[in-house]
C-alpha cells in the first residue's frame, strides 16, 4: 500500500494548487491537486508533508494541521493512504515545481477546477477550520467515484 501526504497551503484566502501535466505516466495528469507526494523510509506523515511541500514549492510551512486520512481504492491504481493537511503561508512566492504548474487559486474557485470527484468531498470537509479529524474512503472504477465512506459510514446511507 502506498503512503502519501497532501497539503493545501493557504495564503490570503487562496490555496496553492498544482496542475499535474508535466509527467507522462502521472495518475493525476490533467487534474489539479494540493502539494504532496510519497513517504520515504522512516518518515511520519508530518515529515513527508514538510519535505514534499518544501521540495515542490520552496515554502517551509510551520503552521499546519493534520486534517484526516483518505484511503483511495481503485481498480487501476495501487491502494493509497493519503495523509491530508492544511497549512498557512505568509509568503505567496514559490519555486518552479517539477510535478506540475503551481498557481494560487481563490478557495471559492477550487471546486470548479478539474479535480478528482473524491477531492471535492474532502475539500468540503475541510471548509470548517475546526472540523474534527476524519477518515475518508474513496473507491474508484477508472476515473469514476463509485463509493464514499466517511468515518465508517457510507454516504449512500446519509
Protein backbone atom coordinates (compact mmCIF):
# COMPACT_ATOMS: atom_id res chain seq x y z
CA UNK A 1 0.00 0.00 0.00
CA UNK A 2 1.28 3.43 -0.96
CA UNK A 3 1.58 6.10 1.76
CA UNK A 4 1.43 9.76 0.70
CA UNK A 5 0.84 13.22 2.12
CA UNK A 6 -1.13 16.07 0.56
CA UNK A 7 -1.14 19.64 1.81
CA UNK A 8 -3.35 22.58 0.92
CA UNK A 9 -1.26 25.66 1.64
CA UNK A 10 -3.39 28.76 2.24
CA UNK A 11 -2.38 32.37 1.71
CA UNK A 12 -4.96 35.19 2.00
CA UNK A 13 -7.99 33.08 1.04
CA UNK A 14 -6.20 31.13 -1.70
CA UNK A 15 -4.86 27.58 -1.94
CA UNK A 16 -1.60 26.79 -3.71
CA UNK A 17 -2.68 24.22 -6.30
CA UNK A 18 -0.67 22.07 -8.69
CA UNK A 19 -1.87 21.39 -12.22
CA UNK A 20 -0.40 17.97 -12.96
CA UNK A 21 0.69 17.95 -16.57
CA UNK A 22 4.46 17.54 -16.70
CA UNK A 23 4.94 13.78 -16.24
CA UNK A 24 3.73 11.35 -18.89
CA UNK A 25 2.81 8.47 -16.52
CA UNK A 26 1.14 10.53 -13.78
CA UNK A 27 -2.10 9.10 -12.35
CA UNK A 28 -3.08 12.72 -11.59
CA UNK A 29 -2.29 14.01 -15.11
CA UNK A 30 -4.71 16.76 -16.14
CA UNK A 31 -6.00 17.24 -12.57
CA UNK A 32 -5.50 20.00 -10.02
CA UNK A 33 -4.34 18.83 -6.59
CA UNK A 34 -2.63 20.20 -3.50
CA UNK A 35 1.08 19.70 -2.84
CA UNK A 36 2.49 16.38 -1.73
CA UNK A 37 3.98 13.03 -2.53
CA UNK A 38 5.14 9.62 -1.36
CA UNK A 39 6.65 8.78 2.01
CA UNK A 40 10.33 7.95 2.27
CA UNK A 41 11.51 5.20 4.60
CA UNK A 42 11.17 6.21 8.25
CA UNK A 43 9.05 9.32 7.65
CA UNK A 44 6.00 10.23 9.68
CA UNK A 45 3.04 11.88 7.90
CA UNK A 46 4.27 15.26 9.12
CA UNK A 47 7.85 14.58 7.97
CA UNK A 48 6.62 13.66 4.50
CA UNK A 49 4.35 16.69 4.21
CA UNK A 50 7.04 19.13 5.35
CA UNK A 51 9.64 17.65 2.99
CA UNK A 52 7.30 17.45 -0.01
CA UNK A 53 5.93 20.98 0.39
CA UNK A 54 9.45 22.40 0.54
CA UNK A 55 10.73 20.28 -2.37
CA UNK A 56 7.79 21.19 -4.61
CA UNK A 57 7.27 24.84 -3.64
CA UNK A 58 10.28 26.16 -1.75
CA UNK A 59 7.88 27.11 1.06
CA UNK A 60 8.65 25.99 4.61
CA UNK A 61 5.33 25.65 6.41
CA UNK A 62 5.23 25.73 10.20
CA UNK A 63 1.58 26.45 10.93
CA UNK A 64 -0.15 23.26 9.79
CA UNK A 65 -2.98 20.98 10.84
CA UNK A 66 -3.36 17.24 10.21
CA UNK A 67 -6.94 17.07 8.91
CA UNK A 68 -7.60 13.44 8.02
CA UNK A 69 -6.61 10.25 6.31
CA UNK A 70 -8.00 9.31 2.92
CA UNK A 71 -7.99 5.73 1.67
CA UNK A 72 -8.10 5.53 -2.13
CA UNK A 73 -9.21 2.19 -3.56
CA UNK A 74 -9.02 1.79 -7.33
CA UNK A 75 -9.41 -0.91 -9.94
CA UNK A 76 -6.42 0.63 -11.78
CA UNK A 77 -4.01 2.04 -9.19
CA UNK A 78 -2.42 0.72 -6.02
CA UNK A 79 -4.42 1.34 -2.82
CA UNK A 80 -3.22 4.52 -1.15
CA UNK A 81 -3.38 6.04 2.31
CA UNK A 82 -3.12 9.80 1.86
CA UNK A 83 -2.48 11.91 4.95
CA UNK A 84 -4.23 15.24 4.46
CA UNK A 85 -3.01 18.57 5.84
CA UNK A 86 -3.78 22.26 5.65
CA UNK A 87 -1.17 24.92 6.31
CA UNK A 88 -0.82 28.67 6.11
CA UNK A 89 1.97 30.59 4.46
CA UNK A 90 2.89 34.23 4.93
CA UNK A 91 4.55 34.29 1.50
CA UNK A 92 2.99 33.89 -1.91
CA UNK A 93 6.37 33.24 -3.56
CA UNK A 94 7.14 29.70 -4.73
CA UNK A 95 9.72 27.90 -6.83
CA UNK A 96 9.26 26.05 -10.12
CA UNK A 97 7.75 22.62 -9.46
CA UNK A 98 8.84 19.55 -11.43
CA UNK A 99 5.47 17.89 -10.71
CA UNK A 100 3.32 20.47 -12.47
CA UNK A 101 2.32 24.12 -12.68
CA UNK A 102 1.78 25.86 -9.33
CA UNK A 103 -0.86 28.56 -9.03
CA UNK A 104 -2.64 30.39 -6.21
CA UNK A 105 -6.38 29.78 -6.63
CA UNK A 106 -9.08 31.58 -4.60
CA UNK A 107 -10.61 28.97 -2.27
CA UNK A 108 -14.12 29.65 -3.58
CA UNK A 109 -12.96 28.72 -7.12
CA UNK A 110 -11.10 25.49 -6.28
CA UNK A 111 -14.16 23.24 -6.60
CA UNK A 112 -14.68 24.47 -10.18
CA UNK A 113 -11.25 23.16 -11.26
CA UNK A 114 -10.72 19.76 -12.89
CA UNK A 115 -10.42 17.75 -9.65
CA UNK A 116 -10.93 14.12 -8.75
CA UNK A 117 -14.55 13.78 -7.54
CA UNK A 118 -13.32 12.49 -4.18
CA UNK A 119 -11.13 15.57 -3.71
CA UNK A 120 -14.30 17.66 -3.72
CA UNK A 121 -15.57 15.57 -0.80
CA UNK A 122 -12.56 16.19 1.44
CA UNK A 123 -12.21 19.82 0.37
CA UNK A 124 -15.79 20.38 1.57
CA UNK A 125 -14.99 18.57 4.83
CA UNK A 126 -12.01 20.92 5.32
CA UNK A 127 -14.03 24.12 4.80
CA UNK A 128 -14.68 24.23 8.55
CA UNK A 129 -11.28 25.02 10.10
CA UNK A 130 -12.43 23.46 13.39
CA UNK A 131 -13.87 20.27 11.86
CA UNK A 132 -12.67 17.10 13.62
CA UNK A 133 -10.11 14.70 12.16
CA UNK A 134 -11.78 12.37 9.66
CA UNK A 135 -11.24 9.07 7.91
CA UNK A 136 -12.48 9.03 4.32
CA UNK A 137 -12.55 6.05 1.97
CA UNK A 138 -12.96 6.77 -1.74
CA UNK A 139 -13.50 3.89 -4.15
CA UNK A 140 -12.96 4.40 -7.88
CA UNK A 141 -13.63 2.44 -11.03
CA UNK A 142 -11.42 4.13 -13.60
CA UNK A 143 -11.94 7.87 -13.07
CA UNK A 144 -15.45 7.38 -11.62
CA UNK A 145 -16.06 7.66 -7.88
CA UNK A 146 -18.38 4.76 -7.00
CA UNK A 147 -18.34 4.73 -3.19
CA UNK A 148 -17.64 7.25 -0.42
CA UNK A 149 -17.35 6.28 3.25
CA UNK A 150 -16.80 8.90 5.97
CA UNK A 151 -15.77 7.68 9.43
CA UNK A 152 -17.08 4.20 8.61
CA UNK A 153 -20.48 5.37 7.29
CA UNK A 154 -21.38 5.16 3.63
CA UNK A 155 -22.54 8.40 2.01
CA UNK A 156 -25.30 6.29 0.43
CA UNK A 157 -26.76 5.82 3.95
CA UNK A 158 -26.83 9.56 4.73
